[in-house]
Protein backbone atom coordinates (compact mmCIF):
# COMPACT_ATOMS: atom_id res chain seq x y z
CA MET A 1 133.35 101.13 76.58
CA LEU A 2 131.35 100.39 79.69
CA ASP A 3 132.92 103.05 81.89
CA ALA A 4 136.05 105.09 82.46
CA ASN A 5 137.75 106.75 85.40
CA PRO A 6 138.00 110.56 85.70
CA ALA A 7 141.49 110.68 84.16
CA ALA A 8 140.29 108.84 81.04
CA ARG A 9 137.15 110.98 80.81
CA GLN A 10 139.31 114.10 80.75
CA LEU A 11 140.91 112.68 77.59
CA GLY A 12 137.51 112.25 75.94
CA VAL A 13 136.75 108.60 76.75
CA ARG A 14 133.02 108.15 77.22
CA ARG A 15 130.71 105.27 77.96
CA GLY A 16 129.48 103.57 74.79
CA ILE A 17 132.24 104.63 72.38
CA PRO A 18 134.06 101.89 70.40
CA LEU A 19 137.09 100.32 72.02
CA GLY A 20 139.35 101.46 69.17
CA SER A 21 138.33 105.09 69.68
CA ALA A 22 139.08 104.78 73.39
CA HIS A 23 142.53 103.37 72.58
CA ARG A 24 143.29 106.34 70.35
CA LEU A 25 142.07 108.84 72.93
CA ALA A 26 143.90 107.24 75.86
CA PRO A 27 146.66 104.97 74.48
CA GLU A 28 148.39 104.62 77.85
CA ALA A 29 145.24 103.61 79.72
CA THR A 30 144.75 100.14 81.17
CA PHE A 31 141.79 98.37 79.55
CA LEU A 32 140.01 95.69 81.57
CA ASP A 33 137.82 92.90 80.24
CA PRO A 34 134.18 93.19 81.36
CA GLU A 35 133.11 90.96 84.24
CA PRO A 36 129.33 91.49 84.40
CA GLU A 37 128.74 88.72 86.94
CA ALA A 38 131.33 90.15 89.32
CA ASP A 39 129.85 93.63 88.89
CA ARG A 40 126.34 92.32 89.51
CA ALA A 41 127.47 90.43 92.62
CA ALA A 42 129.18 93.54 94.01
CA ILE A 43 126.05 95.67 93.62
CA GLU A 44 123.85 92.94 95.10
CA ALA A 45 126.18 92.82 98.09
CA ALA A 46 125.92 96.61 98.34
CA PHE A 47 122.12 96.35 98.35
CA GLU A 48 122.28 93.95 101.29
CA VAL A 49 124.48 96.38 103.20
CA LEU A 50 122.20 99.34 102.45
CA ALA A 51 119.14 97.36 103.56
CA THR A 52 120.58 97.23 107.08
CA PHE A 53 120.39 101.04 107.25
CA SER A 54 117.19 101.88 105.35
CA PRO A 55 114.32 99.91 103.83
CA ALA A 56 113.97 102.34 100.90
CA ILE A 57 116.65 101.76 98.24
CA VAL A 58 116.76 102.49 94.52
CA GLY A 59 119.34 101.11 92.11
CA SER A 60 120.05 98.60 89.36
CA ALA A 61 122.23 95.49 89.48
CA ASP A 62 122.24 95.23 85.67
CA PRO A 63 125.70 96.27 84.41
CA THR A 64 124.19 97.35 81.08
CA ASP A 65 121.79 99.79 82.74
CA GLN A 66 122.69 103.46 82.30
CA ALA A 67 122.03 103.95 86.02
CA PHE A 68 124.34 101.11 87.07
CA GLY A 69 126.54 102.25 89.93
CA LEU A 70 124.06 104.87 91.18
CA LEU A 71 122.57 103.79 94.52
CA GLU A 72 119.93 105.92 96.23
CA VAL A 73 118.90 105.59 99.87
CA GLN A 74 116.03 107.40 101.55
CA ILE A 75 117.32 108.58 104.94
CA ASP A 76 114.45 110.83 106.08
CA GLY A 77 113.38 110.14 109.65
CA LEU A 78 116.31 107.91 110.59
CA GLU A 79 118.07 110.43 112.86
CA LEU A 80 116.88 108.80 116.10
CA LEU A 81 118.21 105.45 114.93
CA TRP A 82 121.50 106.41 113.29
CA GLY A 83 122.19 110.00 114.25
CA PRO A 84 122.42 113.07 111.96
CA GLU A 85 122.35 112.47 108.22
CA PRO A 86 126.09 113.11 107.64
CA ILE A 87 126.92 110.59 110.38
CA LEU A 88 124.56 108.05 108.81
CA VAL A 89 126.11 108.51 105.36
CA GLU A 90 129.57 108.17 106.92
CA ARG A 91 128.54 104.85 108.44
CA ILE A 92 127.05 103.68 105.16
CA GLY A 93 130.27 104.54 103.33
CA VAL A 94 132.38 102.57 105.81
CA ALA A 95 130.03 99.57 105.54
CA LEU A 96 130.06 99.67 101.72
CA ALA A 97 133.84 99.87 101.39
CA PRO A 98 134.50 96.08 101.50
CA ALA A 99 131.78 95.30 98.95
CA LEU A 100 132.79 98.05 96.51
CA ALA A 101 136.57 97.93 96.99
CA GLY A 102 136.53 101.45 98.37
CA ARG A 103 134.23 104.07 99.82
CA PRO A 104 131.79 105.60 97.31
CA ARG A 105 131.15 109.26 96.58
CA SER A 106 128.10 110.46 98.50
CA GLY A 107 125.62 113.30 98.23
CA ILE A 108 122.78 114.50 100.46
CA ALA A 109 120.04 116.80 99.16
CA GLY A 110 116.31 117.37 99.24
CA THR A 111 115.71 116.08 95.69
CA ARG A 112 116.96 113.00 93.88
CA PHE A 113 118.55 115.04 91.09
CA ALA A 114 120.38 117.39 93.46
CA ALA A 115 121.64 114.45 95.53
CA MET A 116 122.94 112.76 92.37
CA VAL A 117 124.77 115.92 91.28
CA ALA A 118 126.17 116.36 94.79
CA ALA A 119 127.53 112.81 94.78
CA ALA A 120 129.08 113.32 91.33
CA ALA A 121 130.74 116.53 92.55
CA ALA A 122 132.25 114.86 95.62
CA GLU A 123 135.81 113.62 95.80
CA PRO A 124 136.27 109.82 95.89
CA GLY A 125 135.07 108.58 99.27
CA ALA A 126 133.87 112.04 100.32
CA LEU A 127 130.44 113.59 100.98
CA VAL A 128 128.81 116.74 99.59
CA SER A 129 125.77 117.80 101.62
CA VAL A 130 123.24 120.38 100.40
CA SER A 131 121.27 122.16 103.11
CA PRO A 132 117.46 121.98 102.90
CA GLY A 133 116.09 124.65 100.57
CA GLU A 134 119.52 125.37 99.05
CA GLU A 135 119.18 122.96 96.12
CA ALA A 136 118.65 125.69 93.49
CA GLY A 137 121.66 127.67 94.68
CA PHE A 138 123.85 124.57 94.72
CA LEU A 139 122.79 123.56 91.20
CA ALA A 140 123.03 127.05 89.65
CA PRO A 141 126.75 126.92 88.66
CA MET A 142 126.58 123.31 87.44
CA PRO A 143 126.55 122.46 83.69
CA ALA A 144 123.05 122.61 82.18
CA LEU A 145 123.68 119.36 80.29
CA LEU A 146 123.23 117.50 83.58
CA LEU A 147 119.52 118.30 83.49
CA THR A 148 118.67 115.73 80.81
CA GLN A 149 120.00 112.65 79.02
CA ASP A 150 118.18 113.57 75.81
CA ALA A 151 120.88 114.27 73.20
CA GLU A 152 118.60 116.49 71.10
CA ILE A 153 117.64 118.70 74.04
CA ARG A 154 121.25 118.90 75.11
CA GLY A 155 122.07 120.19 71.64
CA ARG A 156 119.35 122.83 71.90
CA LEU A 157 120.65 123.97 75.28
CA ARG A 158 124.05 124.53 73.69
CA ARG A 159 122.60 126.41 70.71
CA PHE A 160 120.57 128.67 73.00
CA GLY A 161 123.68 129.44 75.05
CA LEU A 162 122.27 127.87 78.23
CA ARG A 163 125.51 126.65 79.78
CA ARG A 164 124.60 126.68 83.48
CA ILE A 165 121.65 125.29 85.39
CA GLY A 166 121.06 128.70 86.94
CA GLN A 167 120.37 130.15 83.49
CA VAL A 168 117.68 127.53 82.91
CA ALA A 169 116.14 128.20 86.34
CA GLU A 170 115.65 131.87 85.45
CA LEU A 171 113.47 131.05 82.42
CA ALA A 172 109.70 130.85 82.66
CA GLY A 173 108.24 127.37 82.65
CA SER A 174 105.99 128.20 79.68
CA ALA A 175 109.03 129.27 77.65
CA LEU A 176 110.82 126.01 78.41
CA VAL A 177 107.78 123.97 77.42
CA ALA A 178 107.47 125.95 74.18
CA ARG A 179 111.09 125.23 73.25
CA PHE A 180 111.64 121.75 74.69
CA GLY A 181 108.19 120.21 75.08
CA MET A 182 107.28 118.32 78.24
CA GLU A 183 110.96 117.66 78.91
CA GLY A 184 111.29 121.43 79.24
CA ALA A 185 108.94 121.44 82.22
CA ARG A 186 110.99 118.68 83.81
CA ILE A 187 114.37 120.34 83.36
CA GLY A 188 112.94 123.64 84.59
CA ALA A 189 111.67 122.03 87.78
CA ARG A 190 115.00 120.29 88.31
CA ALA A 191 116.88 123.54 87.81
CA ARG A 192 114.71 125.26 90.45
CA GLY A 193 115.44 122.50 92.98
CA GLU A 194 112.03 120.83 92.74
CA GLU A 195 111.47 117.09 92.88
CA THR A 196 110.55 115.61 89.50
CA ASP A 197 111.10 111.88 90.00
CA PRO A 198 109.02 110.01 92.60
CA PHE A 199 111.09 107.75 94.83
CA ARG A 200 110.03 104.16 94.15
CA PRO A 201 112.08 101.76 96.30
CA ARG A 202 113.20 98.53 94.73
CA ARG A 203 111.67 95.37 96.00
CA ALA A 204 114.38 93.26 97.58
CA PRO A 205 114.62 89.86 95.86
CA GLU A 206 113.34 87.07 98.07
CA ARG A 207 114.92 83.74 98.86
CA VAL A 208 113.08 80.49 99.36
CA ALA A 209 114.74 77.32 100.59
CA LEU A 210 113.77 73.81 101.60
CA ALA A 211 115.85 70.86 102.80
CA LEU A 212 115.21 67.15 103.29
CA SER A 213 117.28 64.59 105.16
CA ILE A 214 117.99 61.33 103.33
CA GLU A 215 118.03 58.22 105.50
CA PRO A 216 119.92 56.09 104.77
CA PRO A 217 122.39 58.21 102.75
CA VAL A 218 122.38 57.51 99.01
CA ALA A 219 125.22 57.49 96.51
CA GLU A 220 123.19 57.13 93.29
CA LEU A 221 122.28 60.33 91.44
CA GLU A 222 118.88 58.90 90.54
CA ALA A 223 117.93 58.85 94.21
CA VAL A 224 119.28 62.39 94.60
CA ARG A 225 117.24 63.43 91.55
CA PHE A 226 114.07 62.08 93.17
CA VAL A 227 114.62 64.24 96.27
CA LEU A 228 115.58 67.26 94.15
CA HIS A 229 112.41 66.84 92.09
CA ARG A 230 110.26 66.77 95.21
CA ILE A 231 111.86 69.92 96.68
CA ALA A 232 111.87 71.81 93.36
CA THR A 233 108.18 71.07 92.86
CA THR A 234 107.32 72.40 96.33
CA LEU A 235 109.38 75.59 96.01
CA ALA A 236 108.16 76.27 92.47
CA ALA A 237 104.55 75.96 93.63
CA ASN A 238 105.33 78.47 96.38
CA LEU A 239 106.73 80.92 93.81
CA VAL A 240 103.80 80.48 91.43
CA ALA A 241 101.29 81.05 94.23
CA ARG A 242 102.90 84.43 94.96
CA GLY A 243 103.51 85.41 91.34
CA LEU A 244 107.31 85.22 91.67
CA ALA A 245 110.14 83.84 89.55
CA ALA A 246 113.65 82.94 90.74
CA ALA A 247 116.86 84.03 89.04
CA ARG A 248 119.33 81.61 90.65
CA GLY A 249 119.33 78.17 92.18
CA GLN A 250 121.69 76.51 94.63
CA VAL A 251 121.84 72.88 95.72
CA ARG A 252 123.75 72.10 98.91
CA LEU A 253 124.53 68.44 99.61
CA GLU A 254 125.63 67.24 103.03
CA LEU A 255 127.77 64.11 102.63
CA ASP A 256 128.08 61.06 104.86
CA LEU A 257 131.81 60.61 105.48
CA ALA A 258 131.57 57.35 107.43
CA PHE A 259 133.19 55.34 104.64
CA ALA A 260 134.67 58.19 102.61
CA ARG A 261 138.34 58.74 101.91
CA ALA A 262 140.30 60.97 104.24
CA GLY A 263 140.14 64.59 103.18
CA THR A 264 136.75 64.31 101.48
CA PRO A 265 134.79 67.56 102.05
CA GLY A 266 131.66 67.31 104.12
CA GLU A 267 129.44 69.11 101.64
CA ALA A 268 129.11 69.90 97.95
CA VAL A 269 127.47 73.02 96.56
CA VAL A 270 126.19 73.54 93.02
CA GLU A 271 124.92 76.97 91.99
CA THR A 272 123.65 78.33 88.68
CA ARG A 273 121.99 81.40 87.22
CA PHE A 274 118.95 80.54 85.13
CA PRO A 275 118.76 81.84 81.54
CA GLU A 276 115.80 83.91 82.71
CA PRO A 277 113.80 84.09 85.97
CA THR A 278 111.57 81.07 86.25
CA ALA A 279 109.14 79.22 88.49
CA ASP A 280 109.14 76.07 86.31
CA ALA A 281 110.01 73.15 88.59
CA GLU A 282 111.06 70.88 85.72
CA ALA A 283 113.40 73.48 84.23
CA ILE A 284 114.99 74.20 87.62
CA GLU A 285 115.45 70.50 88.33
CA ARG A 286 116.96 69.66 84.93
CA LEU A 287 119.44 72.51 84.94
CA LEU A 288 120.70 71.81 88.47
CA LEU A 289 120.75 68.06 87.90
CA ALA A 290 122.87 68.54 84.78
CA ARG A 291 125.47 70.31 86.92
CA LEU A 292 125.36 67.53 89.50
CA GLU A 293 125.91 64.97 86.75
CA ARG A 294 129.04 66.80 85.64
CA THR A 295 130.44 66.83 89.20
CA PRO A 296 128.88 63.93 91.14
CA PRO A 297 129.17 63.99 94.94
CA SER A 298 132.25 62.20 96.26
CA ALA A 299 130.37 60.45 99.09
CA PRO A 300 126.81 59.36 99.88
CA VAL A 301 124.34 62.22 100.34
CA SER A 302 122.63 62.50 103.73
CA ARG A 303 120.83 65.83 103.25
CA LEU A 304 119.81 67.96 100.27
CA GLU A 305 118.92 71.64 100.42
CA LEU A 306 117.62 73.68 97.48
CA GLU A 307 117.64 77.47 97.68
CA LEU A 308 116.11 79.71 95.01
CA THR A 309 117.31 83.31 95.15
CA GLY A 310 116.59 86.53 93.32
CA ALA A 311 112.85 85.84 93.47
CA GLU A 312 111.00 88.83 92.04
CA PRO A 313 107.54 89.38 90.53
CA ALA A 314 107.27 87.32 87.37
CA GLU A 315 106.95 89.41 84.23
CA GLY A 316 104.15 88.56 81.87
CA GLN A 317 104.81 88.52 78.15
CA GLN A 318 102.24 89.83 75.70
CA LEU A 319 102.27 87.73 72.56
CA PRO A 320 102.15 89.80 69.34
CA LEU A 321 99.38 88.96 66.92
CA PHE A 322 101.43 88.73 63.72
CA ILE A 323 104.73 87.28 64.99
CA PRO A 324 104.66 83.48 65.29
CA GLN A 325 106.72 81.74 67.97
CA ALA A 326 107.32 84.98 69.85
CA LEU A 327 108.59 83.04 72.87
CA ARG A 328 111.22 81.13 70.90
CA GLY A 329 113.98 83.34 72.32
CA ALA A 330 113.28 82.26 75.90
CA ARG A 331 113.03 78.60 74.91
CA LEU A 332 116.25 78.86 72.92
CA ARG A 333 118.15 80.27 75.90
CA TRP A 334 117.08 77.33 78.07
CA GLN A 335 118.06 74.80 75.38
CA LEU A 336 121.44 76.46 74.92
CA ALA A 337 122.02 76.34 78.66
CA ARG A 338 121.34 72.60 78.68
CA LEU A 339 123.61 72.05 75.66
CA ALA A 340 126.38 73.99 77.37
CA LEU A 341 126.08 71.80 80.46
CA THR A 342 125.99 68.61 78.39
CA TYR A 343 128.88 69.28 76.01
CA GLY A 344 130.86 71.89 77.93
CA GLU A 345 130.35 75.63 78.28
CA ASP A 346 133.51 76.30 76.26
CA ARG A 347 132.00 74.56 73.20
CA ILE A 348 128.86 76.69 72.79
CA ARG A 349 129.81 80.16 71.58
CA SER A 350 128.54 83.07 69.49
CA VAL A 351 130.27 86.03 67.86
CA ILE A 352 129.81 89.63 68.97
CA VAL A 353 131.24 92.76 67.38
CA THR A 354 133.51 94.47 69.90
CA ASP A 355 135.28 97.16 67.89
CA PRO A 356 134.17 97.74 64.27
CA GLU A 357 136.93 100.32 63.82
CA ALA A 358 139.83 98.02 64.75
CA PRO A 359 142.56 97.90 62.07
CA LEU A 360 142.78 94.09 62.07
CA PRO A 361 139.67 92.00 61.28
CA GLU A 362 140.36 89.56 64.14
CA GLN A 363 140.25 92.46 66.59
CA ARG A 364 136.75 93.52 65.57
CA TRP A 365 134.92 90.57 67.09
CA ALA A 366 135.11 88.20 70.04
CA TRP A 367 133.61 84.94 71.19
CA ARG A 368 131.16 84.83 74.05
CA ALA A 369 129.06 82.16 75.71
CA VAL A 370 125.70 81.89 73.99
CA ALA A 371 124.03 80.99 77.27
CA PRO A 372 125.43 83.51 79.76
CA GLY A 373 122.49 82.86 82.04
CA SER A 374 123.69 79.29 82.60
CA SER A 375 126.80 80.43 84.41
CA GLY A 376 127.27 78.65 87.69
CA THR A 377 129.73 77.43 90.26
CA VAL A 378 130.53 74.13 91.90
CA ARG A 379 132.16 73.98 95.31
């Protein structure tokens, strides 16, 4: 299970439990197939909306992240621009509604933890605001299990009879450290309404784009490939110079309709997500060209634009001393992406275990694309 609504959670459905267990706990519930790309796109759209209100945003667009769906915005000092904080949050909620198919729960507080608890306590689409300095009083009646995600420490809190955050706040910090280690100091500070987690805003992914006109227009893909190679090399060099890697690529072709059939669209767009962020010009060119070969333009091309999005700092990879071919996983993902484009994405599959407790063997596993990063669209 990836998530559940409040009604299902009241029946015991929790994130991470097997699908069969969720069926037994909530047999009348509606179960939806996961759509990670749609979820990721919705959160990315929400980030763009939030960036129009504040430059400091924290959140994850990875649907597998435990913090997925939690978006934090620093609103200190924005009163002169947007008005009082409740008015600002109201405006943010209205702006987010189209991207998230509804207004989110919201919380305002002086610490990140208190704001998160306030948002969780709010009704759908509503706001819970904690006055400055009142964080400890607001948190006191809340369940103590909210203080940590550590299952072992949660178990100790139960055994010690610490049911409410206020009970934890009354204990001396030295006693908490003695019983819970360094996590004890953290949960004690949270319970007293102190900030424990520095606010580190996410770096907004960059976009780089370059376009070239083609005169005269060309109909052969080899000529298009030559232009694509030139642009990809330039943009990749730009990314490498700044230590960035792109997650997606989009090719936009403007078509010359002078001798085209009636009804032929004036442009063609090919978009793909790379198996992993890259600044390799050859890899970018080959993957996008493979998509163009599957759906050639219906008229001569007069202009080609390449846009690389999701550009973030490239992550280095430390090679282990005793594990040969440690980078084979990354190379394999790229090869699988190319195979999927060559032979069809529906022909390259792997098996994943979905519900080991299902009564029928065929219900315990499912097929999935082995190169999910190669997903793309053609318009």
